[in-house]
C-alpha cells in the first residue's frame, strides 16, 4: 500500500466521481494529494472525508490564472510535483442544432483549454521522471448521441498526450490518457436521470456494455494508479480505454 510513498499529486475535479476515488486511492498508496474544484464546500468536504494526506484548494480550471496560482502553491508547500491528473470536466448534451455558444465555450474552456494550460503551468514544478494522466472519454472515439461538442473536447486530449510525450522525453515525463466508458457517478443524475429511475437506467444501459454493467469510480482510479505508479513505467503517449469493452460495440 505504498506504491506512491513520498509522491506529491494534483488531481483536478477531485471532489467527486473518478477524481475523488483517485484521490482516496493515491492517499492510501502514500501520496500527498492536492485536490481542486470550483466549489469550496465540496472540495473541503471531500478532503475531510478522505482524511490524512489530502489537501483541498479551490479554483476553476477554466480560469487560466488558477493554474498559475496552483503551481505557485505546489512550489511553496512541497517544492515540486510528481503526478498531475487532469480530471476536471463538464458535459452538456444536446444535438448540434441546439448547441449554444455558451455551452460550446464552457465545455472547451474546461475540458480542453483548462487541461492544456494546466499542464503548461505545472510543467516547471513537475519533477523529471514525473507523469501526467489526462482523463478523456470513450465519446472521443465512439459516436454517442448528442455528444458532438463533448466528444470534440475530449478527442483533443489524445493528441495532447502524444505530442507532450515526445516533447518531454528528455525529462522522462510520461503522458497518457485514460478514456472511461459509462461510470456510475453523480454525472448520471446531472444528465437528467431522476434518482428514482437510476437503478432501471443503469440496468438498461449496462446491457449495452460487454461487461454487462456500468463501471465504478474505484475501477477507474485503479487504472489511473497503474499509469501514475512504477507499474506503468514503460507506458507513454497512449490512450487506455477503461470501458468494459464498450468501444468494441
Protein backbone atom coordinates (compact mmCIF):
# COMPACT_ATOMS: atom_id res chain seq x y z
CA UNK A 1 0.00 0.00 0.00
CA UNK A 2 2.90 2.37 -0.57
CA UNK A 3 3.36 2.46 -4.36
CA UNK A 4 3.18 6.29 -4.24
CA UNK A 5 5.01 6.82 -0.95
CA UNK A 6 6.70 10.22 -0.89
CA UNK A 7 4.98 11.40 -4.08
CA UNK A 8 3.02 14.64 -4.49
CA UNK A 9 -0.03 14.51 -6.76
CA UNK A 10 -2.51 17.08 -8.04
CA UNK A 11 -5.97 15.94 -9.13
CA UNK A 12 -8.32 18.49 -10.66
CA UNK A 13 -12.01 17.90 -10.06
CA UNK A 14 -11.04 15.78 -7.08
CA UNK A 15 -14.19 16.39 -5.05
CA UNK A 16 -16.39 13.76 -6.72
CA UNK A 17 -16.58 10.77 -9.00
CA UNK A 18 -13.39 9.46 -10.60
CA UNK A 19 -11.33 12.33 -9.20
CA UNK A 20 -12.37 11.68 -5.63
CA UNK A 21 -11.88 7.92 -5.94
CA UNK A 22 -8.42 8.52 -7.36
CA UNK A 23 -7.52 10.93 -4.57
CA UNK A 24 -8.60 8.37 -1.98
CA UNK A 25 -6.57 5.58 -3.61
CA UNK A 26 -3.49 7.79 -4.06
CA UNK A 27 -3.63 8.78 -0.37
CA UNK A 28 -3.93 5.11 0.62
CA UNK A 29 -0.85 4.42 -1.50
CA UNK A 30 1.17 7.00 0.42
CA UNK A 31 0.94 10.11 -1.76
CA UNK A 32 0.35 13.65 -0.59
CA UNK A 33 -2.65 14.62 -2.69
CA UNK A 34 -3.91 18.08 -3.63
CA UNK A 35 -7.47 18.12 -4.97
CA UNK A 36 -9.01 21.10 -6.70
CA UNK A 37 -12.56 22.08 -7.61
CA UNK A 38 -14.78 25.09 -8.19
CA UNK A 39 -16.97 24.75 -5.08
CA UNK A 40 -15.07 25.32 -1.85
CA UNK A 41 -17.55 23.44 0.32
CA UNK A 42 -17.49 20.35 -1.89
CA UNK A 43 -13.70 20.23 -2.20
CA UNK A 44 -13.13 20.73 1.50
CA UNK A 45 -15.78 18.13 2.36
CA UNK A 46 -14.11 15.60 0.05
CA UNK A 47 -10.70 16.25 1.60
CA UNK A 48 -12.13 15.89 5.12
CA UNK A 49 -13.90 12.66 4.18
CA UNK A 50 -10.76 11.07 2.70
CA UNK A 51 -8.70 12.36 5.60
CA UNK A 52 -4.97 12.27 6.07
CA UNK A 53 -2.85 13.01 3.03
CA UNK A 54 -5.34 15.19 1.15
CA UNK A 55 -5.36 18.98 0.82
CA UNK A 56 -8.20 20.96 -0.78
CA UNK A 57 -7.67 24.01 -3.00
CA UNK A 58 -10.47 25.93 -4.67
CA UNK A 59 -10.28 27.02 -8.28
CA UNK A 60 -11.89 26.79 -11.72
CA UNK A 61 -9.65 25.24 -14.40
CA UNK A 62 -11.41 27.42 -16.98
CA UNK A 63 -9.70 30.44 -15.39
CA UNK A 64 -6.12 30.48 -16.60
CA UNK A 65 -4.90 32.44 -13.59
CA UNK A 66 -5.94 29.47 -11.43
CA UNK A 67 -3.21 27.33 -12.97
CA UNK A 68 -0.51 29.86 -12.11
CA UNK A 69 -1.76 30.10 -8.52
CA UNK A 70 -1.85 26.31 -8.24
CA UNK A 71 1.74 25.96 -9.48
CA UNK A 72 2.91 28.61 -7.01
CA UNK A 73 1.09 26.87 -4.15
CA UNK A 74 2.61 23.50 -5.02
CA UNK A 75 6.08 25.00 -5.12
CA UNK A 76 5.54 26.83 -1.83
CA UNK A 77 4.19 23.79 0.03
CA UNK A 78 6.17 20.93 -1.48
CA UNK A 79 8.88 22.32 -3.73
CA UNK A 80 7.83 20.14 -6.65
CA UNK A 81 5.19 17.81 -8.07
CA UNK A 82 5.33 14.15 -9.18
CA UNK A 83 1.90 13.41 -10.66
CA UNK A 84 -0.71 15.57 -12.39
CA UNK A 85 -4.14 14.08 -13.07
CA UNK A 86 -6.24 16.40 -15.25
CA UNK A 87 -9.68 15.09 -14.37
CA UNK A 88 -11.98 18.13 -14.11
CA UNK A 89 -14.62 18.21 -16.83
CA UNK A 90 -18.11 19.34 -17.73
CA UNK A 91 -20.68 17.94 -20.13
CA UNK A 92 -23.80 19.38 -21.73
CA UNK A 93 -25.65 17.00 -24.03
CA UNK A 94 -27.51 18.45 -26.99
CA UNK A 95 -28.00 17.79 -30.71
CA UNK A 96 -25.85 20.02 -32.88
CA UNK A 97 -28.84 22.15 -33.87
CA UNK A 98 -29.41 23.12 -30.22
CA UNK A 99 -25.85 23.73 -29.04
CA UNK A 100 -25.44 27.27 -27.73
CA UNK A 101 -22.26 29.31 -27.93
CA UNK A 102 -22.15 29.40 -24.14
CA UNK A 103 -22.41 25.60 -23.87
CA UNK A 104 -19.73 25.13 -26.53
CA UNK A 105 -17.34 27.63 -24.99
CA UNK A 106 -17.76 26.31 -21.44
CA UNK A 107 -17.03 22.71 -22.41
CA UNK A 108 -13.94 23.61 -24.41
CA UNK A 109 -12.76 26.04 -21.72
CA UNK A 110 -12.83 23.36 -19.03
CA UNK A 111 -12.23 20.09 -20.87
CA UNK A 112 -9.63 21.21 -23.39
CA UNK A 113 -8.13 24.64 -22.73
CA UNK A 114 -8.09 24.01 -18.99
CA UNK A 115 -6.15 20.79 -19.48
CA UNK A 116 -3.62 22.27 -21.90
CA UNK A 117 -2.81 25.33 -19.82
CA UNK A 118 -2.93 23.33 -16.60
CA UNK A 119 -0.14 21.15 -17.97
CA UNK A 120 1.76 24.21 -19.21
CA UNK A 121 1.61 25.93 -15.82
CA UNK A 122 2.60 22.86 -13.81
CA UNK A 123 5.46 21.66 -16.01
CA UNK A 124 8.02 23.94 -14.31
CA UNK A 125 7.27 22.34 -10.92
CA UNK A 126 6.81 18.79 -12.22
CA UNK A 127 9.82 16.61 -11.40
CA UNK A 128 11.84 14.99 -14.15
CA UNK A 129 10.60 11.42 -14.31
CA UNK A 130 7.09 12.50 -13.24
CA UNK A 131 3.87 11.68 -15.00
CA UNK A 132 0.72 13.27 -16.38
CA UNK A 133 -2.60 11.47 -16.75
CA UNK A 134 -5.37 13.12 -18.76
CA UNK A 135 -8.93 11.90 -18.27
CA UNK A 136 -10.56 11.60 -21.67
CA UNK A 137 -13.72 9.79 -22.70
CA UNK A 138 -15.00 6.92 -24.80
CA UNK A 139 -17.03 9.59 -26.61
CA UNK A 140 -13.86 10.78 -28.34
CA UNK A 141 -13.67 7.60 -30.41
CA UNK A 142 -17.20 6.18 -30.36
CA UNK A 143 -20.16 8.18 -31.64
CA UNK A 144 -22.70 8.74 -28.86
CA UNK A 145 -25.97 10.58 -29.30
CA UNK A 146 -25.87 14.32 -28.51
CA UNK A 147 -22.17 14.17 -27.54
CA UNK A 148 -20.66 16.03 -30.52
CA UNK A 149 -19.20 19.00 -28.63
CA UNK A 150 -18.15 16.99 -25.59
CA UNK A 151 -16.53 14.41 -27.88
CA UNK A 152 -14.58 17.15 -29.60
CA UNK A 153 -13.26 18.47 -26.31
CA UNK A 154 -12.03 15.04 -25.27
CA UNK A 155 -10.63 14.00 -28.66
CA UNK A 156 -8.01 16.73 -28.34
CA UNK A 157 -6.55 15.13 -25.21
CA UNK A 158 -5.14 12.12 -27.04
CA UNK A 159 -3.35 14.49 -29.43
CA UNK A 160 -2.02 16.48 -26.47
CA UNK A 161 -0.69 13.30 -24.86
CA UNK A 162 1.12 12.09 -27.98
CA UNK A 163 2.78 15.44 -28.58
CA UNK A 164 3.68 16.01 -24.95
CA UNK A 165 5.16 12.54 -24.58
CA UNK A 166 7.69 13.39 -27.28
CA UNK A 167 8.25 16.98 -26.18
CA UNK A 168 9.03 15.86 -22.64
CA UNK A 169 11.11 12.77 -23.40
CA UNK A 170 14.35 14.47 -22.32
CA UNK A 171 12.78 14.97 -18.89
CA UNK A 172 11.45 11.38 -18.79
CA UNK A 173 7.93 12.67 -18.08
CA UNK A 174 5.28 10.18 -19.20
CA UNK A 175 1.93 11.43 -20.55
CA UNK A 176 -1.08 9.15 -21.03
CA UNK A 177 -4.86 9.31 -21.40
CA UNK A 178 -7.50 7.27 -19.59
CA UNK A 179 -10.75 7.09 -21.56
CA UNK A 180 -13.60 5.89 -19.35
CA UNK A 181 -16.80 4.37 -20.60
CA UNK A 182 -20.06 4.80 -18.64
CA UNK A 183 -19.29 5.10 -14.94
CA UNK A 184 -21.81 5.17 -12.11
CA UNK A 185 -21.13 8.63 -10.68
CA UNK A 186 -23.09 11.80 -9.94
CA UNK A 187 -22.86 12.62 -13.66
CA UNK A 188 -25.78 10.25 -14.24
CA UNK A 189 -28.02 12.50 -12.15
CA UNK A 190 -26.62 15.62 -13.81
CA UNK A 191 -27.67 14.20 -17.17
CA UNK A 192 -31.28 14.42 -16.00
CA UNK A 193 -31.93 10.89 -14.74
CA UNK A 194 -34.19 11.12 -11.65
CA UNK A 195 -32.80 9.30 -8.61
CA UNK A 196 -35.83 7.01 -8.51
CA UNK A 197 -35.15 5.89 -12.08
CA UNK A 198 -31.40 5.46 -11.59
CA UNK A 199 -31.36 1.66 -11.00
CA UNK A 200 -33.51 0.99 -14.08
CA UNK A 201 -31.38 3.34 -16.18
CA UNK A 202 -28.14 1.70 -15.07
CA UNK A 203 -29.52 -1.76 -15.77
CA UNK A 204 -30.82 -0.83 -19.22
CA UNK A 205 -27.65 0.98 -20.26
CA UNK A 206 -25.46 -1.67 -18.69
CA UNK A 207 -26.94 -4.20 -21.09
CA UNK A 208 -25.27 -2.34 -23.95
CA UNK A 209 -21.81 -2.79 -22.41
CA UNK A 210 -19.98 -6.09 -22.96
CA UNK A 211 -19.11 -6.17 -19.25
CA UNK A 212 -22.86 -6.05 -18.54
CA UNK A 213 -22.75 -3.07 -16.21
CA UNK A 214 -21.53 0.47 -15.61
CA UNK A 215 -18.02 0.93 -14.32
CA UNK A 216 -17.26 2.03 -10.79
CA UNK A 217 -15.20 5.08 -9.95
CA UNK A 218 -12.85 2.87 -7.95
CA UNK A 219 -12.09 0.81 -11.06
CA UNK A 220 -11.09 3.93 -12.98
CA UNK A 221 -8.97 5.04 -10.04
CA UNK A 222 -7.02 1.78 -10.16
CA UNK A 223 -6.31 2.36 -13.86
CA UNK A 224 -5.04 5.87 -13.09
CA UNK A 225 -2.85 4.44 -10.32
CA UNK A 226 -1.36 1.95 -12.77
CA UNK A 227 -0.29 4.75 -15.12
CA UNK A 228 0.89 7.02 -12.30
CA UNK A 229 2.97 4.41 -10.47
CA UNK A 230 6.04 2.39 -11.38
CA UNK A 231 3.71 -0.38 -12.56
CA UNK A 232 3.11 1.72 -15.69
CA UNK A 233 6.68 2.95 -16.06
CA UNK A 234 7.00 1.81 -19.70
CA UNK A 235 3.60 3.16 -20.83
CA UNK A 236 3.86 6.51 -22.55
CA UNK A 237 1.84 8.50 -25.09
CA UNK A 238 -1.04 6.04 -25.15
CA UNK A 239 -4.80 6.06 -24.59
CA UNK A 240 -6.13 3.39 -22.26
CA UNK A 241 -9.82 2.57 -22.67
CA UNK A 242 -11.40 1.57 -19.36
CA UNK A 243 -14.92 0.98 -20.62
CA UNK A 244 -15.92 -2.63 -20.05
CA UNK A 245 -15.43 -3.29 -23.75
CA UNK A 246 -17.95 -0.69 -24.93
CA UNK A 247 -15.53 0.64 -27.56
CA UNK A 248 -15.99 -2.68 -29.35
CA UNK A 249 -19.73 -2.30 -29.85
